[in-house]
């Protein structure tokens, strides 16, 4: 569920554009006014604001914001104003160009989104970068990670609830055999994890635990320093409970010696209108402190105010 709060009656996109343009005028930018508008409008309305702003002022709102804002606050606002598909395309391109085995952003985009959302992100990627996401992933990754990530971003998963129980049992057995033999990058392991529907995979993971006694992710912890195993576990966590996975991303971003603003910004801007309410609840259960309190403690200035507006107060 979303954590955004809106005024009782939304102003027209033209009125919001006027307020934003006013915020850009004069000697200093009125960041508070920008937050009061953009952090309290739903995605469809923000899309209309951006369209109206270009018509009225002859410039993309993103370009105006880019000229007026700086650093973490700028990045958070720019990502927020983008359509979800455009935002995912930008995030994917950033991580592909600077790819490292420990980065899990592509897994988030490929697995924690619906099939339709991933397809829209890939279309936005082609429109913006004039290449396909698949070809860039193939060009910038290598070895086992290429074998895993290319099919992961290429798939269009069935999203129904139908499950083949006999298939779940046989594929659970196959996964166990490969994991027991430490053949983690076997083509069958990758095929199962990258092509089966969420419902089918949940049934397979359940059968795995019933047949062999351990959750599959526990058996994939044999080498905590193995980044490929860590990637497999991330895929499984995003399938079984994306909210719990993303809570951990936020927790690690805040608990680091020095906040990981990139991860914090990414999760909040991509999930505020999706499941941030559940993420906040999981965060409180896990840490005995509210996410609102933690973000307020770890961030400052306009960046802090903007993120807090997106996640909502503790009693919201």
C-alpha atoms as a PDB file:
ATOM      1  CA  UNK A   1       0.000   0.000   0.000  1.00  0.00           C
ATOM      2  CA  UNK A   2       1.027   3.574  -0.709  1.00  0.00           C
ATOM      3  CA  UNK A   3       2.286   5.925   2.004  1.00  0.00           C
ATOM      4  CA  UNK A   4       1.592   9.135   0.084  1.00  0.00           C
ATOM      5  CA  UNK A   5      -0.763  11.780   1.442  1.00  0.00           C
ATOM      6  CA  UNK A   6      -2.737  14.089  -0.855  1.00  0.00           C
ATOM      7  CA  UNK A   7      -4.774  17.265  -0.371  1.00  0.00           C
ATOM      8  CA  UNK A   8      -8.531  16.707  -0.222  1.00  0.00           C
ATOM      9  CA  UNK A   9      -8.890  18.209  -3.673  1.00  0.00           C
ATOM     10  CA  UNK A  10      -5.951  18.054  -6.063  1.00  0.00           C
ATOM     11  CA  UNK A  11      -5.087  21.347  -7.787  1.00  0.00           C
ATOM     12  CA  UNK A  12      -5.113  21.325 -11.566  1.00  0.00           C
ATOM     13  CA  UNK A  13      -1.824  20.378 -13.275  1.00  0.00           C
ATOM     14  CA  UNK A  14      -1.607  23.960 -14.588  1.00  0.00           C
ATOM     15  CA  UNK A  15      -1.907  25.372 -11.071  1.00  0.00           C
ATOM     16  CA  UNK A  16       0.799  23.003  -9.833  1.00  0.00           C
ATOM     17  CA  UNK A  17       3.024  24.031 -12.738  1.00  0.00           C
ATOM     18  CA  UNK A  18       2.575  27.665 -11.750  1.00  0.00           C
ATOM     19  CA  UNK A  19       3.646  26.861  -8.181  1.00  0.00           C
ATOM     20  CA  UNK A  20       6.689  24.945  -9.376  1.00  0.00           C
ATOM     21  CA  UNK A  21       7.704  27.708 -11.772  1.00  0.00           C
ATOM     22  CA  UNK A  22       7.337  30.192  -8.906  1.00  0.00           C
ATOM     23  CA  UNK A  23       9.639  27.984  -6.794  1.00  0.00           C
ATOM     24  CA  UNK A  24      12.339  28.308  -9.458  1.00  0.00           C
ATOM     25  CA  UNK A  25      12.196  32.121  -9.667  1.00  0.00           C
ATOM     26  CA  UNK A  26      14.278  34.677  -7.772  1.00  0.00           C
ATOM     27  CA  UNK A  27      17.629  34.382  -6.072  1.00  0.00           C
ATOM     28  CA  UNK A  28      17.043  31.060  -4.381  1.00  0.00           C
ATOM     29  CA  UNK A  29      15.007  27.984  -5.111  1.00  0.00           C
ATOM     30  CA  UNK A  30      12.003  27.390  -2.856  1.00  0.00           C
ATOM     31  CA  UNK A  31      12.657  23.704  -2.102  1.00  0.00           C
ATOM     32  CA  UNK A  32       9.825  23.530   0.418  1.00  0.00           C
ATOM     33  CA  UNK A  33       7.299  24.533  -2.218  1.00  0.00           C
ATOM     34  CA  UNK A  34       8.660  21.901  -4.619  1.00  0.00           C
ATOM     35  CA  UNK A  35       8.273  19.228  -1.921  1.00  0.00           C
ATOM     36  CA  UNK A  36       4.774  20.388  -0.999  1.00  0.00           C
ATOM     37  CA  UNK A  37       3.681  19.899  -4.605  1.00  0.00           C
ATOM     38  CA  UNK A  38       5.566  16.888  -5.949  1.00  0.00           C
ATOM     39  CA  UNK A  39       5.650  14.715  -2.811  1.00  0.00           C
ATOM     40  CA  UNK A  40       1.886  14.915  -2.447  1.00  0.00           C
ATOM     41  CA  UNK A  41       0.643  14.078  -5.933  1.00  0.00           C
ATOM     42  CA  UNK A  42      -0.071  10.578  -7.323  1.00  0.00           C
ATOM     43  CA  UNK A  43       1.791   9.232 -10.346  1.00  0.00           C
ATOM     44  CA  UNK A  44      -0.943  10.016 -12.867  1.00  0.00           C
ATOM     45  CA  UNK A  45      -1.122  13.610 -11.649  1.00  0.00           C
ATOM     46  CA  UNK A  46       2.662  14.023 -11.727  1.00  0.00           C
ATOM     47  CA  UNK A  47       2.606  12.793 -15.308  1.00  0.00           C
ATOM     48  CA  UNK A  48       0.057  15.493 -16.165  1.00  0.00           C
ATOM     49  CA  UNK A  49       2.113  18.135 -14.364  1.00  0.00           C
ATOM     50  CA  UNK A  50       5.157  17.207 -16.437  1.00  0.00           C
ATOM     51  CA  UNK A  51       3.136  17.307 -19.670  1.00  0.00           C
ATOM     52  CA  UNK A  52       1.521  20.649 -18.784  1.00  0.00           C
ATOM     53  CA  UNK A  53       4.831  22.179 -17.697  1.00  0.00           C
ATOM     54  CA  UNK A  54       6.403  21.405 -21.080  1.00  0.00           C
ATOM     55  CA  UNK A  55       3.417  22.946 -22.874  1.00  0.00           C
ATOM     56  CA  UNK A  56       3.317  26.103 -20.745  1.00  0.00           C
ATOM     57  CA  UNK A  57       7.035  26.802 -20.255  1.00  0.00           C
ATOM     58  CA  UNK A  58       8.586  25.010 -23.240  1.00  0.00           C
ATOM     59  CA  UNK A  59      10.959  22.901 -21.125  1.00  0.00           C
ATOM     60  CA  UNK A  60      10.818  19.431 -19.615  1.00  0.00           C
ATOM     61  CA  UNK A  61      10.176  19.713 -15.885  1.00  0.00           C
ATOM     62  CA  UNK A  62      13.068  17.305 -15.287  1.00  0.00           C
ATOM     63  CA  UNK A  63      15.444  19.758 -16.970  1.00  0.00           C
ATOM     64  CA  UNK A  64      14.195  22.651 -14.846  1.00  0.00           C
ATOM     65  CA  UNK A  65      14.551  20.601 -11.670  1.00  0.00           C
ATOM     66  CA  UNK A  66      18.020  19.491 -12.703  1.00  0.00           C
ATOM     67  CA  UNK A  67      19.105  23.130 -13.017  1.00  0.00           C
ATOM     68  CA  UNK A  68      17.645  24.160  -9.662  1.00  0.00           C
ATOM     69  CA  UNK A  69      18.410  21.244  -7.315  1.00  0.00           C
ATOM     70  CA  UNK A  70      21.584  19.494  -6.215  1.00  0.00           C
ATOM     71  CA  UNK A  71      22.980  16.255  -4.850  1.00  0.00           C
ATOM     72  CA  UNK A  72      20.800  13.625  -3.143  1.00  0.00           C
ATOM     73  CA  UNK A  73      17.722  15.838  -3.084  1.00  0.00           C
ATOM     74  CA  UNK A  74      18.001  16.413  -6.834  1.00  0.00           C
ATOM     75  CA  UNK A  75      18.359  12.706  -7.574  1.00  0.00           C
ATOM     76  CA  UNK A  76      15.403  11.749  -5.392  1.00  0.00           C
ATOM     77  CA  UNK A  77      13.108  14.368  -6.951  1.00  0.00           C
ATOM     78  CA  UNK A  78      14.147  13.526 -10.530  1.00  0.00           C
ATOM     79  CA  UNK A  79      13.544   9.808 -10.015  1.00  0.00           C
ATOM     80  CA  UNK A  80      10.214  10.554  -8.365  1.00  0.00           C
ATOM     81  CA  UNK A  81       8.951  12.745 -11.198  1.00  0.00           C
ATOM     82  CA  UNK A  82       9.771  10.106 -13.829  1.00  0.00           C
ATOM     83  CA  UNK A  83       7.183   7.530 -14.834  1.00  0.00           C
ATOM     84  CA  UNK A  84       7.817   4.197 -13.116  1.00  0.00           C
ATOM     85  CA  UNK A  85       9.007   2.586 -16.370  1.00  0.00           C
ATOM     86  CA  UNK A  86      11.366   5.472 -17.189  1.00  0.00           C
ATOM     87  CA  UNK A  87      12.697   5.384 -13.619  1.00  0.00           C
ATOM     88  CA  UNK A  88      13.450   1.669 -13.826  1.00  0.00           C
ATOM     89  CA  UNK A  89      15.105   2.156 -17.213  1.00  0.00           C
ATOM     90  CA  UNK A  90      17.411   4.839 -15.799  1.00  0.00           C
ATOM     91  CA  UNK A  91      18.254   2.745 -12.737  1.00  0.00           C
ATOM     92  CA  UNK A  92      18.949  -0.306 -14.907  1.00  0.00           C
ATOM     93  CA  UNK A  93      21.204   1.656 -17.243  1.00  0.00           C
ATOM     94  CA  UNK A  94      23.200   3.093 -14.359  1.00  0.00           C
ATOM     95  CA  UNK A  95      23.847  -0.310 -12.858  1.00  0.00           C
ATOM     96  CA  UNK A  96      24.632  -1.969 -16.201  1.00  0.00           C
ATOM     97  CA  UNK A  97      27.228   0.664 -17.079  1.00  0.00           C
ATOM     98  CA  UNK A  98      28.897   0.297 -13.672  1.00  0.00           C
ATOM     99  CA  UNK A  99      28.022  -3.341 -13.128  1.00  0.00           C
ATOM    100  CA  UNK A 100      29.668  -5.326 -10.365  1.00  0.00           C
ATOM    101  CA  UNK A 101      28.818  -8.829  -9.078  1.00  0.00           C
ATOM    102  CA  UNK A 102      27.573  -7.434  -5.755  1.00  0.00           C
ATOM    103  CA  UNK A 103      24.938  -5.163  -7.285  1.00  0.00           C
ATOM    104  CA  UNK A 104      21.339  -6.425  -7.015  1.00  0.00           C
ATOM    105  CA  UNK A 105      19.419  -3.601  -8.730  1.00  0.00           C
ATOM    106  CA  UNK A 106      18.768  -5.603 -11.916  1.00  0.00           C
ATOM    107  CA  UNK A 107      17.333  -8.399  -9.778  1.00  0.00           C
ATOM    108  CA  UNK A 108      15.015  -5.931  -8.028  1.00  0.00           C
ATOM    109  CA  UNK A 109      13.763  -4.597 -11.360  1.00  0.00           C
ATOM    110  CA  UNK A 110      13.383  -8.014 -12.989  1.00  0.00           C
ATOM    111  CA  UNK A 111      11.826  -9.885 -10.059  1.00  0.00           C
ATOM    112  CA  UNK A 112      10.164  -7.396  -7.693  1.00  0.00           C
ATOM    113  CA  UNK A 113       8.097  -5.908 -10.549  1.00  0.00           C
ATOM    114  CA  UNK A 114       5.144  -7.425 -12.366  1.00  0.00           C
ATOM    115  CA  UNK A 115       5.666  -8.856 -15.837  1.00  0.00           C
ATOM    116  CA  UNK A 116       3.895  -5.820 -17.291  1.00  0.00           C
ATOM    117  CA  UNK A 117       6.060  -3.405 -15.321  1.00  0.00           C
ATOM    118  CA  UNK A 118       9.262  -5.103 -16.463  1.00  0.00           C
ATOM    119  CA  UNK A 119       8.046  -5.069 -20.072  1.00  0.00           C
ATOM    120  CA  UNK A 120       7.252  -1.335 -19.782  1.00  0.00           C
ATOM    121  CA  UNK A 121      10.705  -0.669 -18.298  1.00  0.00           C
ATOM    122  CA  UNK A 122      12.360  -2.487 -21.218  1.00  0.00           C
ATOM    123  CA  UNK A 123      10.345  -0.438 -23.716  1.00  0.00           C
ATOM    124  CA  UNK A 124      11.353   2.754 -21.888  1.00  0.00           C
ATOM    125  CA  UNK A 125      14.977   1.569 -21.929  1.00  0.00           C
ATOM    126  CA  UNK A 126      14.919   1.132 -25.704  1.00  0.00           C
ATOM    127  CA  UNK A 127      13.254   4.509 -26.226  1.00  0.00           C
ATOM    128  CA  UNK A 128      15.748   6.344 -24.020  1.00  0.00           C
ATOM    129  CA  UNK A 129      19.028   4.555 -24.766  1.00  0.00           C
ATOM    130  CA  UNK A 130      18.405   3.214 -28.313  1.00  0.00           C
ATOM    131  CA  UNK A 131      19.463  -0.292 -27.236  1.00  0.00           C
ATOM    132  CA  UNK A 132      17.700  -3.147 -25.560  1.00  0.00           C
ATOM    133  CA  UNK A 133      18.233  -3.848 -21.874  1.00  0.00           C
ATOM    134  CA  UNK A 134      19.045  -7.460 -22.783  1.00  0.00           C
ATOM    135  CA  UNK A 135      21.879  -6.520 -25.127  1.00  0.00           C
ATOM    136  CA  UNK A 136      23.391  -4.117 -22.580  1.00  0.00           C
ATOM    137  CA  UNK A 137      23.191  -6.709 -19.807  1.00  0.00           C
ATOM    138  CA  UNK A 138      24.889  -9.229 -22.103  1.00  0.00           C
ATOM    139  CA  UNK A 139      27.575  -6.699 -23.068  1.00  0.00           C
ATOM    140  CA  UNK A 140      28.469  -5.591 -19.553  1.00  0.00           C
ATOM    141  CA  UNK A 141      28.241  -8.843 -17.570  1.00  0.00           C
ATOM    142  CA  UNK A 142      30.148 -12.086 -17.960  1.00  0.00           C
ATOM    143  CA  UNK A 143      30.366 -15.716 -16.946  1.00  0.00           C
ATOM    144  CA  UNK A 144      27.693 -17.148 -14.666  1.00  0.00           C
ATOM    145  CA  UNK A 145      26.162 -13.721 -14.085  1.00  0.00           C
ATOM    146  CA  UNK A 146      25.535 -13.273 -17.799  1.00  0.00           C
ATOM    147  CA  UNK A 147      23.953 -16.752 -17.912  1.00  0.00           C
ATOM    148  CA  UNK A 148      21.635 -15.709 -15.067  1.00  0.00           C
ATOM    149  CA  UNK A 149      20.830 -12.057 -15.705  1.00  0.00           C
ATOM    150  CA  UNK A 150      20.132 -12.094 -19.459  1.00  0.00           C
ATOM    151  CA  UNK A 151      17.248 -14.602 -19.197  1.00  0.00           C
ATOM    152  CA  UNK A 152      16.092 -12.939 -15.971  1.00  0.00           C
ATOM    153  CA  UNK A 153      15.501  -9.587 -17.695  1.00  0.00           C
ATOM    154  CA  UNK A 154      14.234 -11.296 -20.874  1.00  0.00           C
ATOM    155  CA  UNK A 155      11.392 -13.317 -19.375  1.00  0.00           C
ATOM    156  CA  UNK A 156       7.718 -12.418 -19.402  1.00  0.00           C
ATOM    157  CA  UNK A 157       6.326 -14.461 -16.521  1.00  0.00           C
ATOM    158  CA  UNK A 158       2.848 -15.920 -16.374  1.00  0.00           C
ATOM    159  CA  UNK A 159       1.091 -14.213 -13.447  1.00  0.00           C
ATOM    160  CA  UNK A 160      -1.857 -16.513 -12.839  1.00  0.00           C
ATOM    161  CA  UNK A 161      -2.381 -18.745  -9.810  1.00  0.00           C
ATOM    162  CA  UNK A 162      -2.314 -22.131 -11.576  1.00  0.00           C
ATOM    163  CA  UNK A 163       0.332 -24.528 -10.271  1.00  0.00           C
ATOM    164  CA  UNK A 164       1.549 -27.877 -11.590  1.00  0.00           C
ATOM    165  CA  UNK A 165       2.143 -29.810  -8.356  1.00  0.00           C
ATOM    166  CA  UNK A 166       4.005 -32.712  -9.929  1.00  0.00           C
ATOM    167  CA  UNK A 167       6.297 -30.263 -11.733  1.00  0.00           C
ATOM    168  CA  UNK A 168       6.924 -28.443  -8.444  1.00  0.00           C
ATOM    169  CA  UNK A 169       8.018 -31.706  -6.818  1.00  0.00           C
ATOM    170  CA  UNK A 170      10.290 -32.730  -9.691  1.00  0.00           C
ATOM    171  CA  UNK A 171      11.894 -29.301 -10.006  1.00  0.00           C
ATOM    172  CA  UNK A 172      12.389 -29.073  -6.242  1.00  0.00           C
ATOM    173  CA  UNK A 173      14.281 -32.369  -6.470  1.00  0.00           C
ATOM    174  CA  UNK A 174      16.319 -31.079  -9.410  1.00  0.00           C
ATOM    175  CA  UNK A 175      17.221 -27.880  -7.550  1.00  0.00           C
ATOM    176  CA  UNK A 176      18.263 -29.889  -4.503  1.00  0.00           C
ATOM    177  CA  UNK A 177      20.494 -32.171  -6.581  1.00  0.00           C
ATOM    178  CA  UNK A 178      22.266 -29.239  -8.206  1.00  0.00           C
ATOM    179  CA  UNK A 179      22.650 -27.319  -4.946  1.00  0.00           C
ATOM    180  CA  UNK A 180      23.910 -30.398  -3.108  1.00  0.00           C
ATOM    181  CA  UNK A 181      26.452 -30.911  -5.885  1.00  0.00           C
ATOM    182  CA  UNK A 182      27.397 -27.203  -5.753  1.00  0.00           C
ATOM    183  CA  UNK A 183      26.424 -26.883  -9.417  1.00  0.00           C
ATOM    184  CA  UNK A 184      24.744 -23.565  -8.724  1.00  0.00           C
ATOM    185  CA  UNK A 185      24.977 -22.138 -12.244  1.00  0.00           C
ATOM    186  CA  UNK A 186      23.632 -25.244 -13.970  1.00  0.00           C
ATOM    187  CA  UNK A 187      21.340 -24.354 -16.868  1.00  0.00           C
ATOM    188  CA  UNK A 188      18.395 -26.106 -15.193  1.00  0.00           C
ATOM    189  CA  UNK A 189      18.753 -24.040 -12.008  1.00  0.00           C
ATOM    190  CA  UNK A 190      18.802 -20.861 -14.082  1.00  0.00           C
ATOM    191  CA  UNK A 191      15.929 -22.032 -16.304  1.00  0.00           C
ATOM    192  CA  UNK A 192      13.679 -22.753 -13.326  1.00  0.00           C
ATOM    193  CA  UNK A 193      14.406 -19.503 -11.492  1.00  0.00           C
ATOM    194  CA  UNK A 194      14.137 -17.257 -14.555  1.00  0.00           C
ATOM    195  CA  UNK A 195      11.143 -18.708 -16.416  1.00  0.00           C
ATOM    196  CA  UNK A 196       8.628 -20.144 -13.938  1.00  0.00           C
ATOM    197  CA  UNK A 197       5.741 -18.089 -12.607  1.00  0.00           C
ATOM    198  CA  UNK A 198       5.772 -16.782  -9.044  1.00  0.00           C
ATOM    199  CA  UNK A 199       3.003 -19.182  -8.021  1.00  0.00           C
ATOM    200  CA  UNK A 200       4.869 -22.134  -9.535  1.00  0.00           C
ATOM    201  CA  UNK A 201       8.138 -21.153  -7.864  1.00  0.00           C
ATOM    202  CA  UNK A 202       6.482 -20.696  -4.470  1.00  0.00           C
ATOM    203  CA  UNK A 203       5.077 -24.216  -4.791  1.00  0.00           C
ATOM    204  CA  UNK A 204       8.528 -25.504  -5.775  1.00  0.00           C
ATOM    205  CA  UNK A 205      10.215 -23.795  -2.816  1.00  0.00           C
ATOM    206  CA  UNK A 206       7.557 -25.186  -0.482  1.00  0.00           C
ATOM    207  CA  UNK A 207       8.116 -28.700  -1.851  1.00  0.00           C
ATOM    208  CA  UNK A 208      11.863 -28.203  -1.491  1.00  0.00           C
ATOM    209  CA  UNK A 209      11.477 -27.523   2.222  1.00  0.00           C
ATOM    210  CA  UNK A 210       9.004 -30.384   2.705  1.00  0.00           C
ATOM    211  CA  UNK A 211      11.189 -32.916   0.877  1.00  0.00           C
ATOM    212  CA  UNK A 212      14.622 -31.897   2.142  1.00  0.00           C
ATOM    213  CA  UNK A 213      14.043 -30.174   5.490  1.00  0.00           C
ATOM    214  CA  UNK A 214      15.597 -26.786   4.805  1.00  0.00           C
ATOM    215  CA  UNK A 215      14.342 -23.665   3.033  1.00  0.00           C
ATOM    216  CA  UNK A 216      16.157 -23.429  -0.300  1.00  0.00           C
ATOM    217  CA  UNK A 217      17.874 -20.178   0.698  1.00  0.00           C
ATOM    218  CA  UNK A 218      19.426 -21.850   3.740  1.00  0.00           C
ATOM    219  CA  UNK A 219      21.034 -24.441   1.467  1.00  0.00           C
ATOM    220  CA  UNK A 220      22.332 -21.610  -0.721  1.00  0.00           C
ATOM    221  CA  UNK A 221      24.310 -20.107   2.177  1.00  0.00           C
ATOM    222  CA  UNK A 222      27.156 -22.640   2.004  1.00  0.00           C
ATOM    223  CA  UNK A 223      29.568 -19.885   0.963  1.00  0.00           C
ATOM    224  CA  UNK A 224      28.479 -16.456   2.290  1.00  0.00           C
ATOM    225  CA  UNK A 225      31.182 -14.695   0.252  1.00  0.00           C
ATOM    226  CA  UNK A 226      30.059 -16.185  -3.076  1.00  0.00           C
ATOM    227  CA  UNK A 227      28.358 -13.335  -4.958  1.00  0.00           C
ATOM    228  CA  UNK A 228      26.598 -15.682  -7.374  1.00  0.00           C
ATOM    229  CA  UNK A 229      24.970 -17.543  -4.484  1.00  0.00           C
ATOM    230  CA  UNK A 230      24.022 -14.193  -2.989  1.00  0.00           C
ATOM    231  CA  UNK A 231      22.355 -13.244  -6.302  1.00  0.00           C
ATOM    232  CA  UNK A 232      20.378 -16.504  -6.321  1.00  0.00           C
ATOM    233  CA  UNK A 233      19.219 -15.851  -2.759  1.00  0.00           C
ATOM    234  CA  UNK A 234      18.187 -12.314  -3.711  1.00  0.00           C
ATOM    235  CA  UNK A 235      16.061 -13.666  -6.575  1.00  0.00           C
ATOM    236  CA  UNK A 236      14.369 -16.138  -4.235  1.00  0.00           C
ATOM    237  CA  UNK A 237      13.721 -13.474  -1.582  1.00  0.00           C
ATOM    238  CA  UNK A 238      12.242 -11.129  -4.195  1.00  0.00           C
ATOM    239  CA  UNK A 239       9.949 -13.949  -5.325  1.00  0.00           C
ATOM    240  CA  UNK A 240       8.857 -15.078  -1.871  1.00  0.00           C
ATOM    241  CA  UNK A 241       8.482 -11.656  -0.198  1.00  0.00           C
ATOM    242  CA  UNK A 242       9.759  -8.579  -2.038  1.00  0.00           C
ATOM    243  CA  UNK A 243       8.723  -6.301   0.845  1.00  0.00           C
ATOM    244  CA  UNK A 244      10.959  -8.201   3.266  1.00  0.00           C
ATOM    245  CA  UNK A 245      13.831  -8.098   0.789  1.00  0.00           C
ATOM    246  CA  UNK A 246      13.446  -4.340   0.276  1.00  0.00           C
ATOM    247  CA  UNK A 247      13.190  -3.736   4.028  1.00  0.00           C
ATOM    248  CA  UNK A 248      16.610  -5.336   4.312  1.00  0.00           C
ATOM    249  CA  UNK A 249      17.975  -3.125   1.512  1.00  0.00           C
ATOM    250  CA  UNK A 250      16.814  -0.051   3.443  1.00  0.00           C
ATOM    251  CA  UNK A 251      18.102  -1.410   6.754  1.00  0.00           C
ATOM    252  CA  UNK A 252      21.548  -2.055   5.328  1.00  0.00           C
ATOM    253  CA  UNK A 253      21.564   1.347   3.603  1.00  0.00           C
ATOM    254  CA  UNK A 254      20.892   3.089   6.921  1.00  0.00           C
ATOM    255  CA  UNK A 255      23.031   0.877   9.150  1.00  0.00           C
ATOM    256  CA  UNK A 256      26.172   1.273   7.067  1.00  0.00           C
ATOM    257  CA  UNK A 257      29.039   3.414   8.326  1.00  0.00           C
ATOM    258  CA  UNK A 258      27.780   6.317   6.253  1.00  0.00           C
ATOM    259  CA  UNK A 259      24.317   6.120   4.720  1.00  0.00           C
ATOM    260  CA  UNK A 260      23.953   4.516   1.284  1.00  0.00           C
ATOM    261  CA  UNK A 261      21.797   7.289  -0.149  1.00  0.00           C
ATOM    262  CA  UNK A 262      21.601   5.586  -3.544  1.00  0.00           C
ATOM    263  CA  UNK A 263      19.896   2.495  -2.160  1.00  0.00           C
ATOM    264  CA  UNK A 264      17.694   4.496   0.219  1.00  0.00           C
ATOM    265  CA  UNK A 265      16.538   6.823  -2.566  1.00  0.00           C
ATOM    266  CA  UNK A 266      15.936   3.946  -4.975  1.00  0.00           C
ATOM    267  CA  UNK A 267      13.734   1.917  -2.664  1.00  0.00           C
ATOM    268  CA  UNK A 268      11.696   4.846  -1.375  1.00  0.00           C
ATOM    269  CA  UNK A 269      11.050   6.413  -4.797  1.00  0.00           C
ATOM    270  CA  UNK A 270      10.176   3.087  -6.431  1.00  0.00           C
ATOM    271  CA  UNK A 271       8.007   1.681  -3.615  1.00  0.00           C
ATOM    272  CA  UNK A 272       6.263   4.680  -1.996  1.00  0.00           C
ATOM    273  CA  UNK A 273       3.200   4.106  -4.189  1.00  0.00           C
ATOM    274  CA  UNK A 274       3.437   0.296  -4.172  1.00  0.00           C
ATOM    275  CA  UNK A 275       4.142  -1.369  -0.829  1.00  0.00           C
ATOM    276  CA  UNK A 276       5.943   1.133   1.393  1.00  0.00           C
ATOM    277  CA  UNK A 277       3.329   0.709   4.113  1.00  0.00           C
ATOM    278  CA  UNK A 278       4.206  -3.000   4.393  1.00  0.00           C
ATOM    279  CA  UNK A 279       7.940  -2.215   4.225  1.00  0.00           C
ATOM    280  CA  UNK A 280       7.528   0.253   7.096  1.00  0.00           C
ATOM    281  CA  UNK A 281       5.689  -2.344   9.181  1.00  0.00           C
ATOM    282  CA  UNK A 282       8.384  -4.955   8.531  1.00  0.00           C
ATOM    283  CA  UNK A 283      11.088  -2.414   9.336  1.00  0.00           C
ATOM    284  CA  UNK A 284       9.519  -1.658  12.712  1.00  0.00           C
ATOM    285  CA  UNK A 285       9.115  -5.353  13.563  1.00  0.00           C
ATOM    286  CA  UNK A 286      12.731  -6.052  12.636  1.00  0.00           C
ATOM    287  CA  UNK A 287      14.361  -2.984  14.212  1.00  0.00           C
ATOM    288  CA  UNK A 288      11.999  -1.834  17.012  1.00  0.00           C
ATOM    289  CA  UNK A 289      12.219   1.692  15.624  1.00  0.00           C
ATOM    290  CA  UNK A 290      10.134   3.316  12.915  1.00  0.00           C
ATOM    291  CA  UNK A 291      11.507   3.880   9.429  1.00  0.00           C
ATOM    292  CA  UNK A 292      10.421   7.517   9.721  1.00  0.00           C
ATOM    293  CA  UNK A 293      12.648   7.917  12.793  1.00  0.00           C
ATOM    294  CA  UNK A 294      15.604   6.148  11.141  1.00  0.00           C
ATOM    295  CA  UNK A 295      15.416   8.201   7.938  1.00  0.00           C
ATOM    296  CA  UNK A 296      15.077  11.420   9.956  1.00  0.00           C
ATOM    297  CA  UNK A 297      18.140  10.473  12.001  1.00  0.00           C
ATOM    298  CA  UNK A 298      20.287   9.503   8.991  1.00  0.00           C
ATOM    299  CA  UNK A 299      19.456  12.237   6.467  1.00  0.00           C
ATOM    300  CA  UNK A 300      19.434  16.035   6.481  1.00  0.00           C
ATOM    301  CA  UNK A 301      17.921  19.097   4.867  1.00  0.00           C
ATOM    302  CA  UNK A 302      15.622  19.049   1.858  1.00  0.00           C
ATOM    303  CA  UNK A 303      16.591  15.450   1.073  1.00  0.00           C
ATOM    304  CA  UNK A 304      15.372  14.404   4.507  1.00  0.00           C
ATOM    305  CA  UNK A 305      12.143  16.395   4.166  1.00  0.00           C
ATOM    306  CA  UNK A 306      11.399  14.894   0.764  1.00  0.00           C
ATOM    307  CA  UNK A 307      11.967  11.265   1.791  1.00  0.00           C
ATOM    308  CA  UNK A 308       9.907  11.733   4.957  1.00  0.00           C
ATOM    309  CA  UNK A 309       7.062  13.189   2.906  1.00  0.00           C
ATOM    310  CA  UNK A 310       7.112  10.088   0.677  1.00  0.00           C
ATOM    311  CA  UNK A 311       7.157   7.490   3.455  1.00  0.00           C
ATOM    312  CA  UNK A 312       4.627   9.345   5.610  1.00  0.00           C
ATOM    313  CA  UNK A 313       4.524   9.975   9.323  1.00  0.00           C
ATOM    314  CA  UNK A 314       4.377   7.056  11.734  1.00  0.00           C
ATOM    315  CA  UNK A 315       0.700   7.630  12.473  1.00  0.00           C
ATOM    316  CA  UNK A 316      -0.193   8.063   8.770  1.00  0.00           C
END
